[in-house]
Amino acid sequence: YGGAVLMGVKAPVVKTHGSSKATTVRNTIGQIKTMVDS
């Protein structure tokens, strides 16, 4: 499901889990892409 998003700021700011490994980082980037695209 990606990371936690700080809503209410002027651009997507996303905090992914501190123990994130490569797959989680990739998924979080997908989440950011959806936010920017939409």
PDB file of all heavy atoms in Angstrom:
ATOM      1  N   TYR A   1       0.801  -1.222   0.000  1.00  0.00           N
ATOM      2  CA  TYR A   1       0.000   0.000   0.000  1.00  0.00           C
ATOM      3  C   TYR A   1       0.834   1.272   0.000  1.00  0.00           C
ATOM      4  O   TYR A   1       0.294   2.363   0.040  1.00  0.00           O
ATOM      5  CB  TYR A   1      -0.935  -0.018   1.207  1.00  0.00           C
ATOM      6  CG  TYR A   1      -1.772  -1.271   1.262  1.00  0.00           C
ATOM      7  CD1 TYR A   1      -1.531  -2.258   2.210  1.00  0.00           C
ATOM      8  CD2 TYR A   1      -2.775  -1.498   0.334  1.00  0.00           C
ATOM      9  CE1 TYR A   1      -2.276  -3.423   2.247  1.00  0.00           C
ATOM     10  CE2 TYR A   1      -3.532  -2.659   0.356  1.00  0.00           C
ATOM     11  CZ  TYR A   1      -3.277  -3.618   1.319  1.00  0.00           C
ATOM     12  OH  TYR A   1      -4.012  -4.777   1.344  1.00  0.00           O
ATOM     13  N   GLY A   2       2.142   1.143  -0.074  1.00  0.00           N
ATOM     14  CA  GLY A   2       2.996   2.318  -0.137  1.00  0.00           C
ATOM     15  C   GLY A   2       3.245   2.934   1.222  1.00  0.00           C
ATOM     16  O   GLY A   2       3.249   2.257   2.248  1.00  0.00           O
ATOM     17  N   GLY A   3       3.454   4.264   1.239  1.00  0.00           N
ATOM     18  CA  GLY A   3       3.814   4.942   2.471  1.00  0.00           C
ATOM     19  C   GLY A   3       2.708   5.826   3.007  1.00  0.00           C
ATOM     20  O   GLY A   3       1.605   5.888   2.472  1.00  0.00           O
ATOM     21  N   ALA A   4       3.033   6.526   4.091  1.00  0.00           N
ATOM     22  CA  ALA A   4       2.103   7.478   4.697  1.00  0.00           C
ATOM     23  C   ALA A   4       2.314   8.834   4.035  1.00  0.00           C
ATOM     24  O   ALA A   4       3.451   9.285   3.856  1.00  0.00           O
ATOM     25  CB  ALA A   4       2.343   7.570   6.198  1.00  0.00           C
ATOM     26  N   VAL A   5       1.225   9.481   3.664  1.00  0.00           N
ATOM     27  CA  VAL A   5       1.282  10.743   2.915  1.00  0.00           C
ATOM     28  C   VAL A   5       0.947  11.908   3.840  1.00  0.00           C
ATOM     29  O   VAL A   5      -0.041  11.858   4.578  1.00  0.00           O
ATOM     30  CB  VAL A   5       0.289  10.726   1.738  1.00  0.00           C
ATOM     31  CG1 VAL A   5       0.384  12.027   0.940  1.00  0.00           C
ATOM     32  CG2 VAL A   5       0.540   9.524   0.841  1.00  0.00           C
ATOM     33  N   LEU A   6       1.761  12.957   3.786  1.00  0.00           N
ATOM     34  CA  LEU A   6       1.454  14.174   4.534  1.00  0.00           C
ATOM     35  C   LEU A   6       0.495  15.001   3.677  1.00  0.00           C
ATOM     36  O   LEU A   6       0.899  15.665   2.721  1.00  0.00           O
ATOM     37  CB  LEU A   6       2.727  14.972   4.835  1.00  0.00           C
ATOM     38  CG  LEU A   6       2.531  16.238   5.675  1.00  0.00           C
ATOM     39  CD1 LEU A   6       1.948  15.894   7.054  1.00  0.00           C
ATOM     40  CD2 LEU A   6       3.840  17.000   5.835  1.00  0.00           C
ATOM     41  N   MET A   7      -0.784  14.925   3.999  1.00  0.00           N
ATOM     42  CA  MET A   7      -1.812  15.643   3.246  1.00  0.00           C
ATOM     43  C   MET A   7      -1.959  17.062   3.792  1.00  0.00           C
ATOM     44  O   MET A   7      -1.953  17.276   5.003  1.00  0.00           O
ATOM     45  CB  MET A   7      -3.151  14.921   3.357  1.00  0.00           C
ATOM     46  CG  MET A   7      -3.146  13.508   2.805  1.00  0.00           C
ATOM     47  SD  MET A   7      -2.852  13.441   1.034  1.00  0.00           S
ATOM     48  CE  MET A   7      -4.359  14.194   0.437  1.00  0.00           C
ATOM     49  N   GLY A   8      -2.082  18.026   2.863  1.00  0.00           N
ATOM     50  CA  GLY A   8      -2.243  19.416   3.262  1.00  0.00           C
ATOM     51  C   GLY A   8      -1.044  20.271   2.917  1.00  0.00           C
ATOM     52  O   GLY A   8      -1.031  21.475   3.202  1.00  0.00           O
ATOM     53  N   VAL A   9      -0.006  19.678   2.275  1.00  0.00           N
ATOM     54  CA  VAL A   9       1.134  20.452   1.804  1.00  0.00           C
ATOM     55  C   VAL A   9       1.068  20.550   0.284  1.00  0.00           C
ATOM     56  O   VAL A   9       0.299  19.851  -0.375  1.00  0.00           O
ATOM     57  CB  VAL A   9       2.475  19.845   2.267  1.00  0.00           C
ATOM     58  CG1 VAL A   9       2.634  20.008   3.768  1.00  0.00           C
ATOM     59  CG2 VAL A   9       2.584  18.377   1.874  1.00  0.00           C
ATOM     60  N   LYS A  10       1.905  21.415  -0.296  1.00  0.00           N
ATOM     61  CA  LYS A  10       1.765  21.827  -1.688  1.00  0.00           C
ATOM     62  C   LYS A  10       2.185  20.786  -2.724  1.00  0.00           C
ATOM     63  O   LYS A  10       2.003  21.013  -3.922  1.00  0.00           O
ATOM     64  CB  LYS A  10       2.553  23.116  -1.917  1.00  0.00           C
ATOM     65  CG  LYS A  10       2.014  24.305  -1.134  1.00  0.00           C
ATOM     66  CD  LYS A  10       2.882  25.530  -1.340  1.00  0.00           C
ATOM     67  CE  LYS A  10       2.356  26.727  -0.552  1.00  0.00           C
ATOM     68  NZ  LYS A  10       3.241  27.913  -0.699  1.00  0.00           N
ATOM     69  N   ALA A  11       2.751  19.687  -2.293  1.00  0.00           N
ATOM     70  CA  ALA A  11       3.149  18.610  -3.205  1.00  0.00           C
ATOM     71  C   ALA A  11       3.182  17.315  -2.400  1.00  0.00           C
ATOM     72  O   ALA A  11       3.237  17.344  -1.160  1.00  0.00           O
ATOM     73  CB  ALA A  11       4.524  18.904  -3.808  1.00  0.00           C
ATOM     74  N   PRO A  12       3.138  16.157  -3.059  1.00  0.00           N
ATOM     75  CA  PRO A  12       3.190  14.893  -2.318  1.00  0.00           C
ATOM     76  C   PRO A  12       4.470  14.746  -1.498  1.00  0.00           C
ATOM     77  O   PRO A  12       5.574  14.830  -2.037  1.00  0.00           O
ATOM     78  CB  PRO A  12       3.124  13.845  -3.439  1.00  0.00           C
ATOM     79  CG  PRO A  12       2.420  14.522  -4.555  1.00  0.00           C
ATOM     80  CD  PRO A  12       2.889  15.950  -4.503  1.00  0.00           C
ATOM     81  N   VAL A  13       4.302  14.562  -0.203  1.00  0.00           N
ATOM     82  CA  VAL A  13       5.400  14.261   0.724  1.00  0.00           C
ATOM     83  C   VAL A  13       5.053  12.921   1.350  1.00  0.00           C
ATOM     84  O   VAL A  13       4.045  12.804   2.051  1.00  0.00           O
ATOM     85  CB  VAL A  13       5.546  15.356   1.796  1.00  0.00           C
ATOM     86  CG1 VAL A  13       6.562  14.922   2.863  1.00  0.00           C
ATOM     87  CG2 VAL A  13       5.962  16.680   1.169  1.00  0.00           C
ATOM     88  N   VAL A  14       5.879  11.905   1.090  1.00  0.00           N
ATOM     89  CA  VAL A  14       5.521  10.546   1.473  1.00  0.00           C
ATOM     90  C   VAL A  14       6.597   9.942   2.361  1.00  0.00           C
ATOM     91  O   VAL A  14       7.784   9.953   2.025  1.00  0.00           O
ATOM     92  CB  VAL A  14       5.301   9.659   0.231  1.00  0.00           C
ATOM     93  CG1 VAL A  14       4.882   8.252   0.649  1.00  0.00           C
ATOM     94  CG2 VAL A  14       4.230  10.278  -0.671  1.00  0.00           C
ATOM     95  N   LYS A  15       6.158   9.401   3.498  1.00  0.00           N
ATOM     96  CA  LYS A  15       7.052   8.703   4.442  1.00  0.00           C
ATOM     97  C   LYS A  15       6.773   7.213   4.350  1.00  0.00           C
ATOM     98  O   LYS A  15       5.699   6.751   4.716  1.00  0.00           O
ATOM     99  CB  LYS A  15       6.778   9.205   5.864  1.00  0.00           C
ATOM    100  CG  LYS A  15       7.285   8.307   6.998  1.00  0.00           C
ATOM    101  CD  LYS A  15       8.797   8.285   7.094  1.00  0.00           C
ATOM    102  CE  LYS A  15       9.264   7.569   8.369  1.00  0.00           C
ATOM    103  NZ  LYS A  15       9.200   6.092   8.255  1.00  0.00           N
ATOM    104  N   THR A  16       7.724   6.471   3.827  1.00  0.00           N
ATOM    105  CA  THR A  16       7.563   5.028   3.799  1.00  0.00           C
ATOM    106  C   THR A  16       8.188   4.430   5.055  1.00  0.00           C
ATOM    107  O   THR A  16       8.973   5.086   5.747  1.00  0.00           O
ATOM    108  CB  THR A  16       8.162   4.418   2.518  1.00  0.00           C
ATOM    109  OG1 THR A  16       7.716   3.065   2.392  1.00  0.00           O
ATOM    110  CG2 THR A  16       9.686   4.464   2.517  1.00  0.00           C
ATOM    111  N   HIS A  17       7.849   3.199   5.365  1.00  0.00           N
ATOM    112  CA  HIS A  17       8.248   2.563   6.620  1.00  0.00           C
ATOM    113  C   HIS A  17       9.767   2.526   6.774  1.00  0.00           C
ATOM    114  O   HIS A  17      10.493   2.310   5.807  1.00  0.00           O
ATOM    115  CB  HIS A  17       7.689   1.140   6.676  1.00  0.00           C
ATOM    116  CG  HIS A  17       7.513   0.619   8.054  1.00  0.00           C
ATOM    117  ND1 HIS A  17       8.568   0.188   8.829  1.00  0.00           N
ATOM    118  CD2 HIS A  17       6.410   0.470   8.838  1.00  0.00           C
ATOM    119  CE1 HIS A  17       8.123  -0.228  10.000  1.00  0.00           C
ATOM    120  NE2 HIS A  17       6.814  -0.055  10.037  1.00  0.00           N
ATOM    121  N   GLY A  18      10.247   2.727   7.990  1.00  0.00           N
ATOM    122  CA  GLY A  18      11.688   2.734   8.251  1.00  0.00           C
ATOM    123  C   GLY A  18      12.374   1.421   7.909  1.00  0.00           C
ATOM    124  O   GLY A  18      13.567   1.401   7.593  1.00  0.00           O
ATOM    125  N   SER A  19      11.620   0.321   7.958  1.00  0.00           N
ATOM    126  CA  SER A  19      12.206  -0.988   7.643  1.00  0.00           C
ATOM    127  C   SER A  19      11.966  -1.381   6.187  1.00  0.00           C
ATOM    128  O   SER A  19      12.121  -2.544   5.820  1.00  0.00           O
ATOM    129  CB  SER A  19      11.609  -2.056   8.564  1.00  0.00           C
ATOM    130  OG  SER A  19      10.200  -2.137   8.386  1.00  0.00           O
ATOM    131  N   SER A  20      11.587  -0.403   5.355  1.00  0.00           N
ATOM    132  CA  SER A  20      11.271  -0.691   3.957  1.00  0.00           C
ATOM    133  C   SER A  20      12.468  -1.251   3.199  1.00  0.00           C
ATOM    134  O   SER A  20      13.596  -0.771   3.330  1.00  0.00           O
ATOM    135  CB  SER A  20      10.796   0.585   3.252  1.00  0.00           C
ATOM    136  OG  SER A  20       9.564   1.013   3.763  1.00  0.00           O
ATOM    137  N   LYS A  21      12.162  -2.260   2.380  1.00  0.00           N
ATOM    138  CA  LYS A  21      13.169  -2.785   1.457  1.00  0.00           C
ATOM    139  C   LYS A  21      12.752  -2.421   0.037  1.00  0.00           C
ATOM    140  O   LYS A  21      11.809  -1.675  -0.174  1.00  0.00           O
ATOM    141  CB  LYS A  21      13.329  -4.288   1.659  1.00  0.00           C
ATOM    142  CG  LYS A  21      13.962  -4.623   3.003  1.00  0.00           C
ATOM    143  CD  LYS A  21      14.438  -6.070   3.074  1.00  0.00           C
ATOM    144  CE  LYS A  21      15.186  -6.324   4.375  1.00  0.00           C
ATOM    145  NZ  LYS A  21      15.694  -7.717   4.454  1.00  0.00           N
ATOM    146  N   ALA A  22      13.471  -2.946  -0.931  1.00  0.00           N
ATOM    147  CA  ALA A  22      13.330  -2.489  -2.314  1.00  0.00           C
ATOM    148  C   ALA A  22      11.892  -2.550  -2.833  1.00  0.00           C
ATOM    149  O   ALA A  22      11.410  -1.612  -3.476  1.00  0.00           O
ATOM    150  CB  ALA A  22      14.261  -3.297  -3.214  1.00  0.00           C
ATOM    151  N   THR A  23      11.191  -3.645  -2.557  1.00  0.00           N
ATOM    152  CA  THR A  23       9.834  -3.809  -3.080  1.00  0.00           C
ATOM    153  C   THR A  23       8.899  -2.731  -2.533  1.00  0.00           C
ATOM    154  O   THR A  23       8.075  -2.170  -3.273  1.00  0.00           O
ATOM    155  CB  THR A  23       9.277  -5.199  -2.733  1.00  0.00           C
ATOM    156  OG1 THR A  23      10.125  -6.194  -3.307  1.00  0.00           O
ATOM    157  CG2 THR A  23       7.877  -5.379  -3.281  1.00  0.00           C
ATOM    158  N   THR A  24       9.030  -2.435  -1.250  1.00  0.00           N
ATOM    159  CA  THR A  24       8.193  -1.401  -0.647  1.00  0.00           C
ATOM    160  C   THR A  24       8.500  -0.037  -1.239  1.00  0.00           C
ATOM    161  O   THR A  24       7.586   0.764  -1.491  1.00  0.00           O
ATOM    162  CB  THR A  24       8.396  -1.365   0.877  1.00  0.00           C
ATOM    163  OG1 THR A  24       8.169  -2.663   1.415  1.00  0.00           O
ATOM    164  CG2 THR A  24       7.460  -0.375   1.536  1.00  0.00           C
ATOM    165  N   VAL A  25       9.780   0.244  -1.461  1.00  0.00           N
ATOM    166  CA  VAL A  25      10.173   1.516  -2.075  1.00  0.00           C
ATOM    167  C   VAL A  25       9.558   1.630  -3.470  1.00  0.00           C
ATOM    168  O   VAL A  25       8.998   2.662  -3.837  1.00  0.00           O
ATOM    169  CB  VAL A  25      11.711   1.638  -2.146  1.00  0.00           C
ATOM    170  CG1 VAL A  25      12.121   2.888  -2.928  1.00  0.00           C
ATOM    171  CG2 VAL A  25      12.303   1.681  -0.738  1.00  0.00           C
ATOM    172  N   ARG A  26       9.636   0.558  -4.245  1.00  0.00           N
ATOM    173  CA  ARG A  26       9.040   0.570  -5.587  1.00  0.00           C
ATOM    174  C   ARG A  26       7.533   0.816  -5.513  1.00  0.00           C
ATOM    175  O   ARG A  26       6.986   1.615  -6.279  1.00  0.00           O
ATOM    176  CB  ARG A  26       9.301  -0.765  -6.284  1.00  0.00           C
ATOM    177  CG  ARG A  26       8.711  -0.848  -7.693  1.00  0.00           C
ATOM    178  CD  ARG A  26       8.622  -2.279  -8.155  1.00  0.00           C
ATOM    179  NE  ARG A  26       7.713  -3.064  -7.308  1.00  0.00           N
ATOM    180  CZ  ARG A  26       7.636  -4.386  -7.331  1.00  0.00           C
ATOM    181  NH1 ARG A  26       8.413  -5.082  -8.147  1.00  0.00           N
ATOM    182  NH2 ARG A  26       6.801  -5.022  -6.517  1.00  0.00           N
ATOM    183  N   ASN A  27       6.858   0.134  -4.606  1.00  0.00           N
ATOM    184  CA  ASN A  27       5.404   0.300  -4.479  1.00  0.00           C
ATOM    185  C   ASN A  27       5.030   1.711  -4.038  1.00  0.00           C
ATOM    186  O   ASN A  27       4.005   2.259  -4.467  1.00  0.00           O
ATOM    187  CB  ASN A  27       4.843  -0.721  -3.497  1.00  0.00           C
ATOM    188  CG  ASN A  27       4.940  -2.146  -4.015  1.00  0.00           C
ATOM    189  OD1 ASN A  27       5.134  -2.365  -5.206  1.00  0.00           O
ATOM    190  ND2 ASN A  27       4.824  -3.110  -3.131  1.00  0.00           N
ATOM    191  N   THR A  28       5.837   2.292  -3.171  1.00  0.00           N
ATOM    192  CA  THR A  28       5.572   3.652  -2.713  1.00  0.00           C
ATOM    193  C   THR A  28       5.738   4.646  -3.858  1.00  0.00           C
ATOM    194  O   THR A  28       4.982   5.619  -3.963  1.00  0.00           O
ATOM    195  CB  THR A  28       6.499   4.023  -1.542  1.00  0.00           C
ATOM    196  OG1 THR A  28       6.362   3.045  -0.503  1.00  0.00           O
ATOM    197  CG2 THR A  28       6.146   5.391  -0.972  1.00  0.00           C
ATOM    198  N   ILE A  29       6.705   4.408  -4.710  1.00  0.00           N
ATOM    199  CA  ILE A  29       6.886   5.265  -5.878  1.00  0.00           C
ATOM    200  C   ILE A  29       5.674   5.149  -6.801  1.00  0.00           C
ATOM    201  O   ILE A  29       5.216   6.145  -7.384  1.00  0.00           O
ATOM    202  CB  ILE A  29       8.191   4.910  -6.613  1.00  0.00           C
ATOM    203  CG1 ILE A  29       9.387   5.352  -5.758  1.00  0.00           C
ATOM    204  CG2 ILE A  29       8.248   5.562  -8.005  1.00  0.00           C
ATOM    205  CD1 ILE A  29      10.722   4.841  -6.228  1.00  0.00           C
ATOM    206  N   GLY A  30       5.109   3.951  -6.922  1.00  0.00           N
ATOM    207  CA  GLY A  30       3.874   3.779  -7.691  1.00  0.00           C
ATOM    208  C   GLY A  30       2.728   4.576  -7.101  1.00  0.00           C
ATOM    209  O   GLY A  30       1.906   5.160  -7.829  1.00  0.00           O
ATOM    210  N   GLN A  31       2.654   4.607  -5.778  1.00  0.00           N
ATOM    211  CA  GLN A  31       1.641   5.393  -5.074  1.00  0.00           C
ATOM    212  C   GLN A  31       1.815   6.881  -5.383  1.00  0.00           C
ATOM    213  O   GLN A  31       0.838   7.597  -5.660  1.00  0.00           O
ATOM    214  CB  GLN A  31       1.780   5.146  -3.570  1.00  0.00           C
ATOM    215  CG  GLN A  31       0.914   6.010  -2.681  1.00  0.00           C
ATOM    216  CD  GLN A  31       1.335   5.905  -1.213  1.00  0.00           C
ATOM    217  OE1 GLN A  31       2.462   5.484  -0.905  1.00  0.00           O
ATOM    218  NE2 GLN A  31       0.453   6.282  -0.318  1.00  0.00           N
ATOM    219  N   ILE A  32       3.054   7.356  -5.355  1.00  0.00           N
ATOM    220  CA  ILE A  32       3.337   8.761  -5.657  1.00  0.00           C
ATOM    221  C   ILE A  32       2.953   9.084  -7.102  1.00  0.00           C
ATOM    222  O   ILE A  32       2.370  10.131  -7.381  1.00  0.00           O
ATOM    223  CB  ILE A  32       4.832   9.063  -5.415  1.00  0.00           C
ATOM    224  CG1 ILE A  32       5.144   8.988  -3.915  1.00  0.00           C
ATOM    225  CG2 ILE A  32       5.203  10.439  -5.966  1.00  0.00           C
ATOM    226  CD1 ILE A  32       6.622   9.079  -3.593  1.00  0.00           C
ATOM    227  N   LYS A  33       3.260   8.178  -8.012  1.00  0.00           N
ATOM    228  CA  LYS A  33       2.914   8.378  -9.424  1.00  0.00           C
ATOM    229  C   LYS A  33       1.400   8.586  -9.581  1.00  0.00           C
ATOM    230  O   LYS A  33       0.955   9.478 -10.314  1.00  0.00           O
ATOM    231  CB  LYS A  33       3.363   7.188 -10.259  1.00  0.00           C
ATOM    232  CG  LYS A  33       3.012   7.301 -11.746  1.00  0.00           C
ATOM    233  CD  LYS A  33       3.429   6.049 -12.501  1.00  0.00           C
ATOM    234  CE  LYS A  33       3.117   6.193 -13.988  1.00  0.00           C
ATOM    235  NZ  LYS A  33       1.676   6.374 -14.268  1.00  0.00           N
ATOM    236  N   THR A  34       0.620   7.768  -8.876  1.00  0.00           N
ATOM    237  CA  THR A  34      -0.834   7.900  -8.945  1.00  0.00           C
ATOM    238  C   THR A  34      -1.281   9.258  -8.417  1.00  0.00           C
ATOM    239  O   THR A  34      -2.167   9.907  -8.989  1.00  0.00           O
ATOM    240  CB  THR A  34      -1.519   6.779  -8.147  1.00  0.00           C
ATOM    241  OG1 THR A  34      -1.104   5.512  -8.654  1.00  0.00           O
ATOM    242  CG2 THR A  34      -3.039   6.884  -8.237  1.00  0.00           C
ATOM    243  N   MET A  35      -0.671   9.717  -7.326  1.00  0.00           N
ATOM    244  CA  MET A  35      -1.018  11.019  -6.763  1.00  0.00           C
ATOM    245  C   MET A  35      -0.721  12.145  -7.736  1.00  0.00           C
ATOM    246  O   MET A  35      -1.532  13.053  -7.931  1.00  0.00           O
ATOM    247  CB  MET A  35      -0.251  11.263  -5.456  1.00  0.00           C
ATOM    248  CG  MET A  35      -0.752  10.491  -4.259  1.00  0.00           C
ATOM    249  SD  MET A  35       0.007  11.099  -2.737  1.00  0.00           S
ATOM    250  CE  MET A  35      -0.764  12.704  -2.575  1.00  0.00           C
ATOM    251  N   VAL A  36       0.463  12.087  -8.359  1.00  0.00           N
ATOM    252  CA  VAL A  36       0.852  13.154  -9.288  1.00  0.00           C
ATOM    253  C   VAL A  36      -0.006  13.109 -10.541  1.00  0.00           C
ATOM    254  O   VAL A  36      -0.505  14.137 -11.014  1.00  0.00           O
ATOM    255  CB  VAL A  36       2.352  13.050  -9.641  1.00  0.00           C
ATOM    256  CG1 VAL A  36       2.725  14.099 -10.687  1.00  0.00           C
ATOM    257  CG2 VAL A  36       3.209  13.230  -8.390  1.00  0.00           C
ATOM    258  N   ASP A  37      -0.211  11.919 -11.085  1.00  0.00           N
ATOM    259  CA  ASP A  37      -1.021  11.768 -12.308  1.00  0.00           C
ATOM    260  C   ASP A  37      -2.455  12.258 -12.112  1.00  0.00           C
ATOM    261  O   ASP A  37      -3.043  12.885 -12.995  1.00  0.00           O
ATOM    262  CB  ASP A  37      -1.052  10.306 -12.757  1.00  0.00           C
ATOM    263  CG  ASP A  37       0.234   9.877 -13.448  1.00  0.00           C
ATOM    264  OD1 ASP A  37       1.003  10.763 -13.866  1.00  0.00           O
ATOM    265  OD2 ASP A  37       0.464   8.659 -13.561  1.00  0.00           O
ATOM    266  N   SER A  38      -3.018  11.954 -10.961  1.00  0.00           N
ATOM    267  CA  SER A  38      -4.426  12.299 -10.704  1.00  0.00           C
ATOM    268  C   SER A  38      -4.605  13.713 -10.177  1.00  0.00           C
ATOM    269  O   SER A  38      -5.724  14.154  -9.939  1.00  0.00           O
ATOM    270  CB  SER A  38      -5.027  11.307  -9.705  1.00  0.00           C
ATOM    271  OG  SER A  38      -4.353  11.382  -8.449  1.00  0.00           O
TER     272      SER A  38
END
